[in-house]
Amino acid sequence: MTADHRLIFCTCPDETTAGRIAEALVDERLAACANLLPGIISIYRWAGQIQRDPEVLILIKTTTERVAALTERLRELHPYEIPEIIAVPVTEGLPDYLSWVTTCTDHND
């Protein structure tokens, strides 16, 4: 199986923001599905200081073809100056599910 699909990780400051972003990405066919995982704690360095903040992680399923447009739209929607947008190749998965992801993100439909 080729890596025609991507799982994108993106953190948001709260569930409302994450939900708004996820719904927009699915509505605009940039993502087939987005899962919101609330209750995470992120520890990171920002402006020379160690930060510790509650966040919501979004797991976004899309195709390789849609990653660039999805990334651009995420940057427009996201409140962070530098949002976490990490795309990981999906090398294995249920073929029917991956086919569904492809169908849901087909912007020529």
PDB file of N, CA and C in Angstrom:
ATOM      1  N   MET A   1       0.850  -1.182   0.000  1.00  0.00           N
ATOM      2  CA  MET A   1       0.000   0.000   0.000  1.00  0.00           C
ATOM      3  C   MET A   1       0.893   1.242   0.000  1.00  0.00           C
ATOM      4  N   THR A   2       0.558   2.212  -0.816  1.00  0.00           N
ATOM      5  CA  THR A   2       1.350   3.438  -0.875  1.00  0.00           C
ATOM      6  C   THR A   2       0.866   4.430   0.170  1.00  0.00           C
ATOM      7  N   ALA A   3       1.687   5.417   0.438  1.00  0.00           N
ATOM      8  CA  ALA A   3       1.344   6.427   1.440  1.00  0.00           C
ATOM      9  C   ALA A   3       0.599   7.581   0.774  1.00  0.00           C
ATOM     10  N   ASP A   4      -0.611   7.299   0.315  1.00  0.00           N
ATOM     11  CA  ASP A   4      -1.437   8.320  -0.326  1.00  0.00           C
ATOM     12  C   ASP A   4      -2.278   9.093   0.677  1.00  0.00           C
ATOM     13  N   HIS A   5      -2.176   8.731   1.933  1.00  0.00           N
ATOM     14  CA  HIS A   5      -2.983   9.355   2.975  1.00  0.00           C
ATOM     15  C   HIS A   5      -2.083   9.899   4.071  1.00  0.00           C
ATOM     16  N   ARG A   6      -2.608  10.880   4.794  1.00  0.00           N
ATOM     17  CA  ARG A   6      -1.856  11.506   5.877  1.00  0.00           C
ATOM     18  C   ARG A   6      -2.726  11.627   7.116  1.00  0.00           C
ATOM     19  N   LEU A   7      -2.078  11.492   8.266  1.00  0.00           N
ATOM     20  CA  LEU A   7      -2.681  11.791   9.553  1.00  0.00           C
ATOM     21  C   LEU A   7      -2.003  13.063  10.040  1.00  0.00           C
ATOM     22  N   ILE A   8      -2.786  14.089  10.259  1.00  0.00           N
ATOM     23  CA  ILE A   8      -2.237  15.388  10.659  1.00  0.00           C
ATOM     24  C   ILE A   8      -2.561  15.642  12.124  1.00  0.00           C
ATOM     25  N   PHE A   9      -1.549  16.054  12.862  1.00  0.00           N
ATOM     26  CA  PHE A   9      -1.688  16.428  14.261  1.00  0.00           C
ATOM     27  C   PHE A   9      -1.741  17.948  14.345  1.00  0.00           C
ATOM     28  N   CYS A  10      -2.697  18.456  15.103  1.00  0.00           N
ATOM     29  CA  CYS A  10      -2.796  19.901  15.315  1.00  0.00           C
ATOM     30  C   CYS A  10      -3.362  20.141  16.713  1.00  0.00           C
ATOM     31  N   THR A  11      -2.683  20.965  17.506  1.00  0.00           N
ATOM     32  CA  THR A  11      -3.193  21.301  18.833  1.00  0.00           C
ATOM     33  C   THR A  11      -3.877  22.658  18.793  1.00  0.00           C
ATOM     34  N   CYS A  12      -4.900  22.799  19.642  1.00  0.00           N
ATOM     35  CA  CYS A  12      -5.678  24.038  19.743  1.00  0.00           C
ATOM     36  C   CYS A  12      -5.824  24.419  21.214  1.00  0.00           C
ATOM     37  N   PRO A  13      -6.108  25.695  21.476  1.00  0.00           N
ATOM     38  CA  PRO A  13      -6.183  26.137  22.865  1.00  0.00           C
ATOM     39  C   PRO A  13      -7.408  25.624  23.620  1.00  0.00           C
ATOM     40  N   ASP A  14      -8.487  25.275  22.899  1.00  0.00           N
ATOM     41  CA  ASP A  14      -9.707  24.836  23.578  1.00  0.00           C
ATOM     42  C   ASP A  14     -10.589  24.042  22.615  1.00  0.00           C
ATOM     43  N   GLU A  15     -11.624  23.416  23.176  1.00  0.00           N
ATOM     44  CA  GLU A  15     -12.499  22.548  22.391  1.00  0.00           C
ATOM     45  C   GLU A  15     -13.343  23.331  21.388  1.00  0.00           C
ATOM     46  N   THR A  16     -13.741  24.536  21.732  1.00  0.00           N
ATOM     47  CA  THR A  16     -14.531  25.353  20.809  1.00  0.00           C
ATOM     48  C   THR A  16     -13.734  25.664  19.554  1.00  0.00           C
ATOM     49  N   THR A  17     -12.507  26.096  19.726  1.00  0.00           N
ATOM     50  CA  THR A  17     -11.640  26.400  18.586  1.00  0.00           C
ATOM     51  C   THR A  17     -11.367  25.150  17.770  1.00  0.00           C
ATOM     52  N   ALA A  18     -11.043  24.057  18.439  1.00  0.00           N
ATOM     53  CA  ALA A  18     -10.757  22.801  17.741  1.00  0.00           C
ATOM     54  C   ALA A  18     -11.971  22.333  16.945  1.00  0.00           C
ATOM     55  N   GLY A  19     -13.149  22.424  17.528  1.00  0.00           N
ATOM     56  CA  GLY A  19     -14.371  22.015  16.842  1.00  0.00           C
ATOM     57  C   GLY A  19     -14.662  22.865  15.625  1.00  0.00           C
ATOM     58  N   ARG A  20     -14.462  24.171  15.766  1.00  0.00           N
ATOM     59  CA  ARG A  20     -14.691  25.089  14.640  1.00  0.00           C
ATOM     60  C   ARG A  20     -13.745  24.768  13.491  1.00  0.00           C
ATOM     61  N   ILE A  21     -12.488  24.541  13.801  1.00  0.00           N
ATOM     62  CA  ILE A  21     -11.491  24.216  12.778  1.00  0.00           C
ATOM     63  C   ILE A  21     -11.813  22.869  12.134  1.00  0.00           C
ATOM     64  N   ALA A  22     -12.099  21.864  12.945  1.00  0.00           N
ATOM     65  CA  ALA A  22     -12.388  20.523  12.425  1.00  0.00           C
ATOM     66  C   ALA A  22     -13.601  20.541  11.501  1.00  0.00           C
ATOM     67  N   GLU A  23     -14.657  21.208  11.918  1.00  0.00           N
ATOM     68  CA  GLU A  23     -15.865  21.268  11.089  1.00  0.00           C
ATOM     69  C   GLU A  23     -15.598  21.967   9.766  1.00  0.00           C
ATOM     70  N   ALA A  24     -14.822  23.035   9.787  1.00  0.00           N
ATOM     71  CA  ALA A  24     -14.501  23.749   8.544  1.00  0.00           C
ATOM     72  C   ALA A  24     -13.705  22.855   7.597  1.00  0.00           C
ATOM     73  N   LEU A  25     -12.729  22.139   8.116  1.00  0.00           N
ATOM     74  CA  LEU A  25     -11.896  21.284   7.263  1.00  0.00           C
ATOM     75  C   LEU A  25     -12.702  20.157   6.632  1.00  0.00           C
ATOM     76  N   VAL A  26     -13.607  19.555   7.400  1.00  0.00           N
ATOM     77  CA  VAL A  26     -14.452  18.489   6.855  1.00  0.00           C
ATOM     78  C   VAL A  26     -15.462  19.076   5.873  1.00  0.00           C
ATOM     79  N   ASP A  27     -16.084  20.195   6.230  1.00  0.00           N
ATOM     80  CA  ASP A  27     -17.066  20.837   5.355  1.00  0.00           C
ATOM     81  C   ASP A  27     -16.457  21.226   4.015  1.00  0.00           C
ATOM     82  N   GLU A  28     -15.217  21.683   4.036  1.00  0.00           N
ATOM     83  CA  GLU A  28     -14.540  22.125   2.812  1.00  0.00           C
ATOM     84  C   GLU A  28     -13.841  20.977   2.079  1.00  0.00           C
ATOM     85  N   ARG A  29     -14.064  19.754   2.522  1.00  0.00           N
ATOM     86  CA  ARG A  29     -13.528  18.539   1.901  1.00  0.00           C
ATOM     87  C   ARG A  29     -11.998  18.478   1.927  1.00  0.00           C
ATOM     88  N   LEU A  30     -11.407  19.195   2.867  1.00  0.00           N
ATOM     89  CA  LEU A  30      -9.963  19.119   3.052  1.00  0.00           C
ATOM     90  C   LEU A  30      -9.602  17.933   3.940  1.00  0.00           C
ATOM     91  N   ALA A  31     -10.550  17.498   4.741  1.00  0.00           N
ATOM     92  CA  ALA A  31     -10.375  16.348   5.628  1.00  0.00           C
ATOM     93  C   ALA A  31     -11.608  15.465   5.545  1.00  0.00           C
ATOM     94  N   ALA A  32     -11.393  14.168   5.700  1.00  0.00           N
ATOM     95  CA  ALA A  32     -12.520  13.234   5.738  1.00  0.00           C
ATOM     96  C   ALA A  32     -13.088  13.149   7.147  1.00  0.00           C
ATOM     97  N   CYS A  33     -12.216  13.274   8.130  1.00  0.00           N
ATOM     98  CA  CYS A  33     -12.606  13.082   9.521  1.00  0.00           C
ATOM     99  C   CYS A  33     -11.601  13.805  10.406  1.00  0.00           C
ATOM    100  N   ALA A  34     -12.088  14.298  11.526  1.00  0.00           N
ATOM    101  CA  ALA A  34     -11.206  14.906  12.521  1.00  0.00           C
ATOM    102  C   ALA A  34     -11.682  14.475  13.902  1.00  0.00           C
ATOM    103  N   ASN A  35     -10.767  13.983  14.704  1.00  0.00           N
ATOM    104  CA  ASN A  35     -11.077  13.565  16.072  1.00  0.00           C
ATOM    105  C   ASN A  35     -10.510  14.592  17.035  1.00  0.00           C
ATOM    106  N   LEU A  36     -11.330  15.029  17.988  1.00  0.00           N
ATOM    107  CA  LEU A  36     -10.889  15.968  19.012  1.00  0.00           C
ATOM    108  C   LEU A  36     -10.564  15.198  20.286  1.00  0.00           C
ATOM    109  N   LEU A  37      -9.349  15.375  20.767  1.00  0.00           N
ATOM    110  CA  LEU A  37      -8.911  14.725  22.002  1.00  0.00           C
ATOM    111  C   LEU A  37      -8.639  15.812  23.039  1.00  0.00           C
ATOM    112  N   PRO A  38      -9.636  16.124  23.874  1.00  0.00           N
ATOM    113  CA  PRO A  38      -9.442  17.162  24.889  1.00  0.00           C
ATOM    114  C   PRO A  38      -8.630  16.630  26.067  1.00  0.00           C
ATOM    115  N   GLY A  39      -8.187  17.552  26.888  1.00  0.00           N
ATOM    116  CA  GLY A  39      -7.549  17.167  28.140  1.00  0.00           C
ATOM    117  C   GLY A  39      -6.068  16.861  28.067  1.00  0.00           C
ATOM    118  N   ILE A  40      -5.410  17.253  26.991  1.00  0.00           N
ATOM    119  CA  ILE A  40      -3.966  17.031  26.947  1.00  0.00           C
ATOM    120  C   ILE A  40      -3.253  18.226  27.576  1.00  0.00           C
ATOM    121  N   ILE A  41      -2.058  18.009  28.007  1.00  0.00           N
ATOM    122  CA  ILE A  41      -1.205  19.080  28.530  1.00  0.00           C
ATOM    123  C   ILE A  41       0.009  19.158  27.615  1.00  0.00           C
ATOM    124  N   SER A  42       0.277  20.344  27.099  1.00  0.00           N
ATOM    125  CA  SER A  42       1.454  20.547  26.258  1.00  0.00           C
ATOM    126  C   SER A  42       2.504  21.315  27.045  1.00  0.00           C
ATOM    127  N   ILE A  43       3.724  20.824  26.983  1.00  0.00           N
ATOM    128  CA  ILE A  43       4.864  21.483  27.623  1.00  0.00           C
ATOM    129  C   ILE A  43       5.838  21.820  26.510  1.00  0.00           C
ATOM    130  N   TYR A  44       6.177  23.103  26.388  1.00  0.00           N
ATOM    131  CA  TYR A  44       6.976  23.569  25.259  1.00  0.00           C
ATOM    132  C   TYR A  44       7.706  24.860  25.623  1.00  0.00           C
ATOM    133  N   ARG A  45       8.687  25.205  24.822  1.00  0.00           N
ATOM    134  CA  ARG A  45       9.421  26.454  25.018  1.00  0.00           C
ATOM    135  C   ARG A  45       8.852  27.509  24.070  1.00  0.00           C
ATOM    136  N   TRP A  46       8.522  28.682  24.613  1.00  0.00           N
ATOM    137  CA  TRP A  46       8.027  29.784  23.799  1.00  0.00           C
ATOM    138  C   TRP A  46       8.574  31.077  24.378  1.00  0.00           C
ATOM    139  N   ALA A  47       9.157  31.899  23.525  1.00  0.00           N
ATOM    140  CA  ALA A  47       9.730  33.185  23.936  1.00  0.00           C
ATOM    141  C   ALA A  47      10.717  33.006  25.095  1.00  0.00           C
ATOM    142  N   GLY A  48      11.505  31.927  25.023  1.00  0.00           N
ATOM    143  CA  GLY A  48      12.542  31.697  26.012  1.00  0.00           C
ATOM    144  C   GLY A  48      12.067  31.121  27.335  1.00  0.00           C
ATOM    145  N   GLN A  49      10.788  30.834  27.456  1.00  0.00           N
ATOM    146  CA  GLN A  49      10.234  30.311  28.701  1.00  0.00           C
ATOM    147  C   GLN A  49       9.584  28.946  28.473  1.00  0.00           C
ATOM    148  N   ILE A  50       9.646  28.098  29.480  1.00  0.00           N
ATOM    149  CA  ILE A  50       8.944  26.817  29.428  1.00  0.00           C
ATOM    150  C   ILE A  50       7.475  27.081  29.756  1.00  0.00           C
ATOM    151  N   GLN A  51       6.602  26.645  28.877  1.00  0.00           N
ATOM    152  CA  GLN A  51       5.158  26.821  29.035  1.00  0.00           C
ATOM    153  C   GLN A  51       4.516  25.466  29.322  1.00  0.00           C
ATOM    154  N   ARG A  52       3.415  25.492  30.025  1.00  0.00           N
ATOM    155  CA  ARG A  52       2.619  24.287  30.305  1.00  0.00           C
ATOM    156  C   ARG A  52       1.161  24.702  30.186  1.00  0.00           C
ATOM    157  N   ASP A  53       0.489  24.203  29.145  1.00  0.00           N
ATOM    158  CA  ASP A  53      -0.880  24.637  28.877  1.00  0.00           C
ATOM    159  C   ASP A  53      -1.793  23.470  28.525  1.00  0.00           C
ATOM    160  N   PRO A  54      -3.059  23.558  28.948  1.00  0.00           N
ATOM    161  CA  PRO A  54      -4.038  22.576  28.483  1.00  0.00           C
ATOM    162  C   PRO A  54      -4.353  22.855  27.015  1.00  0.00           C
ATOM    163  N   GLU A  55      -4.504  21.809  26.238  1.00  0.00           N
ATOM    164  CA  GLU A  55      -4.846  21.960  24.829  1.00  0.00           C
ATOM    165  C   GLU A  55      -5.762  20.824  24.398  1.00  0.00           C
ATOM    166  N   VAL A  56      -6.280  20.955  23.193  1.00  0.00           N
ATOM    167  CA  VAL A  56      -7.074  19.913  22.549  1.00  0.00           C
ATOM    168  C   VAL A  56      -6.313  19.498  21.302  1.00  0.00           C
ATOM    169  N   LEU A  57      -6.091  18.203  21.155  1.00  0.00           N
ATOM    170  CA  LEU A  57      -5.407  17.675  19.977  1.00  0.00           C
ATOM    171  C   LEU A  57      -6.445  17.277  18.936  1.00  0.00           C
ATOM    172  N   ILE A  58      -6.226  17.700  17.699  1.00  0.00           N
ATOM    173  CA  ILE A  58      -7.066  17.252  16.590  1.00  0.00           C
ATOM    174  C   ILE A  58      -6.247  16.266  15.765  1.00  0.00           C
ATOM    175  N   LEU A  59      -6.829  15.092  15.515  1.00  0.00           N
ATOM    176  CA  LEU A  59      -6.256  14.119  14.586  1.00  0.00           C
ATOM    177  C   LEU A  59      -7.067  14.230  13.304  1.00  0.00           C
ATOM    178  N   ILE A  60      -6.412  14.595  12.227  1.00  0.00           N
ATOM    179  CA  ILE A  60      -7.094  14.892  10.968  1.00  0.00           C
ATOM    180  C   ILE A  60      -6.685  13.873   9.917  1.00  0.00           C
ATOM    181  N   LYS A  61      -7.675  13.250   9.281  1.00  0.00           N
ATOM    182  CA  LYS A  61      -7.397  12.280   8.220  1.00  0.00           C
ATOM    183  C   LYS A  61      -7.668  12.911   6.868  1.00  0.00           C
ATOM    184  N   THR A  62      -6.670  12.818   5.971  1.00  0.00           N
ATOM    185  CA  THR A  62      -6.786  13.412   4.646  1.00  0.00           C
ATOM    186  C   THR A  62      -5.920  12.634   3.659  1.00  0.00           C
ATOM    187  N   THR A  63      -5.870  13.136   2.437  1.00  0.00           N
ATOM    188  CA  THR A  63      -5.008  12.538   1.417  1.00  0.00           C
ATOM    189  C   THR A  63      -3.761  13.393   1.250  1.00  0.00           C
ATOM    190  N   THR A  64      -2.729  12.787   0.701  1.00  0.00           N
ATOM    191  CA  THR A  64      -1.487  13.510   0.428  1.00  0.00           C
ATOM    192  C   THR A  64      -1.764  14.715  -0.463  1.00  0.00           C
ATOM    193  N   GLU A  65      -2.635  14.528  -1.433  1.00  0.00           N
ATOM    194  CA  GLU A  65      -2.977  15.591  -2.385  1.00  0.00           C
ATOM    195  C   GLU A  65      -3.570  16.822  -1.702  1.00  0.00           C
ATOM    196  N   ARG A  66      -4.269  16.647  -0.587  1.00  0.00           N
ATOM    197  CA  ARG A  66      -4.968  17.759   0.069  1.00  0.00           C
ATOM    198  C   ARG A  66      -4.159  18.416   1.189  1.00  0.00           C
ATOM    199  N   VAL A  67      -2.968  17.894   1.490  1.00  0.00           N
ATOM    200  CA  VAL A  67      -2.196  18.410   2.627  1.00  0.00           C
ATOM    201  C   VAL A  67      -1.854  19.891   2.470  1.00  0.00           C
ATOM    202  N   ALA A  68      -1.398  20.315   1.320  1.00  0.00           N
ATOM    203  CA  ALA A  68      -0.994  21.721   1.142  1.00  0.00           C
ATOM    204  C   ALA A  68      -2.177  22.663   1.352  1.00  0.00           C
ATOM    205  N   ALA A  69      -3.314  22.357   0.741  1.00  0.00           N
ATOM    206  CA  ALA A  69      -4.499  23.210   0.897  1.00  0.00           C
ATOM    207  C   ALA A  69      -5.007  23.172   2.333  1.00  0.00           C
ATOM    208  N   LEU A  70      -4.979  21.997   2.950  1.00  0.00           N
ATOM    209  CA  LEU A  70      -5.411  21.865   4.337  1.00  0.00           C
ATOM    210  C   LEU A  70      -4.506  22.679   5.261  1.00  0.00           C
ATOM    211  N   THR A  71      -3.210  22.608   5.044  1.00  0.00           N
ATOM    212  CA  THR A  71      -2.257  23.361   5.861  1.00  0.00           C
ATOM    213  C   THR A  71      -2.498  24.861   5.732  1.00  0.00           C
ATOM    214  N   GLU A  72      -2.703  25.322   4.524  1.00  0.00           N
ATOM    215  CA  GLU A  72      -2.975  26.749   4.298  1.00  0.00           C
ATOM    216  C   GLU A  72      -4.248  27.178   5.021  1.00  0.00           C
ATOM    217  N   ARG A  73      -5.291  26.382   4.914  1.00  0.00           N
ATOM    218  CA  ARG A  73      -6.566  26.716   5.562  1.00  0.00           C
ATOM    219  C   ARG A  73      -6.437  26.653   7.084  1.00  0.00           C
ATOM    220  N   LEU A  74      -5.710  25.676   7.586  1.00  0.00           N
ATOM    221  CA  LEU A  74      -5.480  25.580   9.029  1.00  0.00           C
ATOM    222  C   LEU A  74      -4.791  26.835   9.556  1.00  0.00           C
ATOM    223  N   ARG A  75      -3.814  27.311   8.825  1.00  0.00           N
ATOM    224  CA  ARG A  75      -3.107  28.541   9.246  1.00  0.00           C
ATOM    225  C   ARG A  75      -4.055  29.731   9.281  1.00  0.00           C
ATOM    226  N   GLU A  76      -4.992  29.791   8.332  1.00  0.00           N
ATOM    227  CA  GLU A  76      -5.975  30.885   8.308  1.00  0.00           C
ATOM    228  C   GLU A  76      -6.922  30.813   9.505  1.00  0.00           C
ATOM    229  N   LEU A  77      -7.337  29.616   9.868  1.00  0.00           N
ATOM    230  CA  LEU A  77      -8.334  29.424  10.923  1.00  0.00           C
ATOM    231  C   LEU A  77      -7.750  29.432  12.332  1.00  0.00           C
ATOM    232  N   HIS A  78      -6.481  29.108  12.465  1.00  0.00           N
ATOM    233  CA  HIS A  78      -5.875  28.858  13.776  1.00  0.00           C
ATOM    234  C   HIS A  78      -5.484  30.150  14.482  1.00  0.00           C
ATOM    235  N   PRO A  79      -5.725  30.240  15.798  1.00  0.00           N
ATOM    236  CA  PRO A  79      -5.374  31.459  16.531  1.00  0.00           C
ATOM    237  C   PRO A  79      -3.893  31.577  16.893  1.00  0.00           C
ATOM    238  N   TYR A  80      -3.137  30.474  16.839  1.00  0.00           N
ATOM    239  CA  TYR A  80      -1.728  30.529  17.222  1.00  0.00           C
ATOM    240  C   TYR A  80      -0.890  31.163  16.119  1.00  0.00           C
ATOM    241  N   GLU A  81       0.146  31.870  16.535  1.00  0.00           N
ATOM    242  CA  GLU A  81       1.097  32.462  15.589  1.00  0.00           C
ATOM    243  C   GLU A  81       1.785  31.374  14.760  1.00  0.00           C
ATOM    244  N   ILE A  82       2.190  30.310  15.424  1.00  0.00           N
ATOM    245  CA  ILE A  82       2.817  29.166  14.750  1.00  0.00           C
ATOM    246  C   ILE A  82       2.083  27.901  15.216  1.00  0.00           C
ATOM    247  N   PRO A  83       1.019  27.518  14.517  1.00  0.00           N
ATOM    248  CA  PRO A  83       0.283  26.325  14.949  1.00  0.00           C
ATOM    249  C   PRO A  83       1.058  25.041  14.684  1.00  0.00           C
ATOM    250  N   GLU A  84       0.819  24.053  15.526  1.00  0.00           N
ATOM    251  CA  GLU A  84       1.387  22.725  15.292  1.00  0.00           C
ATOM    252  C   GLU A  84       0.608  22.082  14.149  1.00  0.00           C
ATOM    253  N   ILE A  85       1.298  21.826  13.057  1.00  0.00           N
ATOM    254  CA  ILE A  85       0.718  21.115  11.918  1.00  0.00           C
ATOM    255  C   ILE A  85       1.769  20.101  11.490  1.00  0.00           C
ATOM    256  N   ILE A  86       1.546  18.846  11.856  1.00  0.00           N
ATOM    257  CA  ILE A  86       2.497  17.778  11.553  1.00  0.00           C
ATOM    258  C   ILE A  86       1.759  16.707  10.768  1.00  0.00           C
ATOM    259  N   ALA A  87       2.230  16.418   9.562  1.00  0.00           N
ATOM    260  CA  ALA A  87       1.606  15.404   8.707  1.00  0.00           C
ATOM    261  C   ALA A  87       2.461  14.142   8.703  1.00  0.00           C
ATOM    262  N   VAL A  88       1.833  13.026   9.026  1.00  0.00           N
ATOM    263  CA  VAL A  88       2.509  11.734   9.091  1.00  0.00           C
ATOM    264  C   VAL A  88       1.932  10.829   8.003  1.00  0.00           C
ATOM    265  N   PRO A  89       2.787  10.186   7.200  1.00  0.00           N
ATOM    266  CA  PRO A  89       2.274   9.266   6.179  1.00  0.00           C
ATOM    267  C   PRO A  89       1.551   8.074   6.813  1.00  0.00           C
ATOM    268  N   VAL A  90       0.441   7.710   6.221  1.00  0.00           N
ATOM    269  CA  VAL A  90      -0.281   6.503   6.626  1.00  0.00           C
ATOM    270  C   VAL A  90       0.192   5.391   5.698  1.00  0.00           C
ATOM    271  N   THR A  91       0.934   4.451   6.229  1.00  0.00           N
ATOM    272  CA  THR A  91       1.503   3.395   5.387  1.00  0.00           C
ATOM    273  C   THR A  91       0.655   2.134   5.372  1.00  0.00           C
ATOM    274  N   GLU A  92      -0.230   1.992   6.332  1.00  0.00           N
ATOM    275  CA  GLU A  92      -1.136   0.843   6.396  1.00  0.00           C
ATOM    276  C   GLU A  92      -2.481   1.317   6.914  1.00  0.00           C
ATOM    277  N   GLY A  93      -3.517   0.613   6.528  1.00  0.00           N
ATOM    278  CA  GLY A  93      -4.854   0.923   7.012  1.00  0.00           C
ATOM    279  C   GLY A  93      -5.873   0.054   6.304  1.00  0.00           C
ATOM    280  N   LEU A  94      -7.054  -0.021   6.863  1.00  0.00           N
ATOM    281  CA  LEU A  94      -8.128  -0.776   6.239  1.00  0.00           C
ATOM    282  C   LEU A  94      -8.406  -0.166   4.865  1.00  0.00           C
ATOM    283  N   PRO A  95      -8.263  -0.927   3.794  1.00  0.00           N
ATOM    284  CA  PRO A  95      -8.445  -0.370   2.449  1.00  0.00           C
ATOM    285  C   PRO A  95      -9.785   0.339   2.251  1.00  0.00           C
ATOM    286  N   ASP A  96     -10.860  -0.207   2.799  1.00  0.00           N
ATOM    287  CA  ASP A  96     -12.168   0.446   2.654  1.00  0.00           C
ATOM    288  C   ASP A  96     -12.189   1.807   3.346  1.00  0.00           C
ATOM    289  N   TYR A  97     -11.546   1.907   4.505  1.00  0.00           N
ATOM    290  CA  TYR A  97     -11.492   3.187   5.220  1.00  0.00           C
ATOM    291  C   TYR A  97     -10.674   4.205   4.426  1.00  0.00           C
ATOM    292  N   LEU A  98      -9.530   3.796   3.935  1.00  0.00           N
ATOM    293  CA  LEU A  98      -8.685   4.717   3.172  1.00  0.00           C
ATOM    294  C   LEU A  98      -9.376   5.155   1.884  1.00  0.00           C
ATOM    295  N   SER A  99     -10.123   4.265   1.277  1.00  0.00           N
ATOM    296  CA  SER A  99     -10.905   4.626   0.094  1.00  0.00           C
ATOM    297  C   SER A  99     -11.960   5.671   0.454  1.00  0.00           C
ATOM    298  N   TRP A 100     -12.578   5.503   1.612  1.00  0.00           N
ATOM    299  CA  TRP A 100     -13.563   6.476   2.091  1.00  0.00           C
ATOM    300  C   TRP A 100     -12.911   7.842   2.306  1.00  0.00           C
ATOM    301  N   VAL A 101     -11.716   7.865   2.886  1.00  0.00           N
ATOM    302  CA  VAL A 101     -10.991   9.127   3.078  1.00  0.00           C
ATOM    303  C   VAL A 101     -10.772   9.806   1.728  1.00  0.00           C
ATOM    304  N   THR A 102     -10.358   9.039   0.746  1.00  0.00           N
ATOM    305  CA  THR A 102     -10.125   9.585  -0.596  1.00  0.00           C
ATOM    306  C   THR A 102     -11.413  10.156  -1.176  1.00  0.00           C
ATOM    307  N   THR A 103     -12.504   9.422  -1.067  1.00  0.00           N
ATOM    308  CA  THR A 103     -13.791   9.879  -1.599  1.00  0.00           C
ATOM    309  C   THR A 103     -14.254  11.162  -0.910  1.00  0.00           C
ATOM    310  N   CYS A 104     -14.119  11.218   0.398  1.00  0.00           N
ATOM    311  CA  CYS A 104     -14.589  12.380   1.161  1.00  0.00           C
ATOM    312  C   CYS A 104     -13.778  13.642   0.901  1.00  0.00           C
ATOM    313  N   THR A 105     -12.556  13.489   0.448  1.00  0.00           N
ATOM    314  CA  THR A 105     -11.703  14.657   0.215  1.00  0.00           C
ATOM    315  C   THR A 105     -11.539  14.971  -1.265  1.00  0.00           C
ATOM    316  N   ASP A 106     -12.312  14.305  -2.097  1.00  0.00           N
ATOM    317  CA  ASP A 106     -12.242  14.549  -3.543  1.00  0.00           C
ATOM    318  C   ASP A 106     -12.895  15.889  -3.848  1.00  0.00           C
ATOM    319  N   HIS A 107     -12.091  16.879  -4.167  1.00  0.00           N
ATOM    320  CA  HIS A 107     -12.612  18.224  -4.416  1.00  0.00           C
ATOM    321  C   HIS A 107     -13.158  18.390  -5.825  1.00  0.00           C
ATOM    322  N   ASN A 108     -13.086  17.370  -6.644  1.00  0.00           N
ATOM    323  CA  ASN A 108     -13.664  17.425  -7.990  1.00  0.00           C
ATOM    324  C   ASN A 108     -15.076  16.863  -8.006  1.00  0.00           C
ATOM    325  N   ASP A 109     -15.541  16.403  -6.855  1.00  0.00           N
ATOM    326  CA  ASP A 109     -16.848  15.769  -6.738  1.00  0.00           C
ATOM    327  C   ASP A 109     -17.964  16.787  -6.769  1.00  0.00           C
TER     328      ASP A 109
END
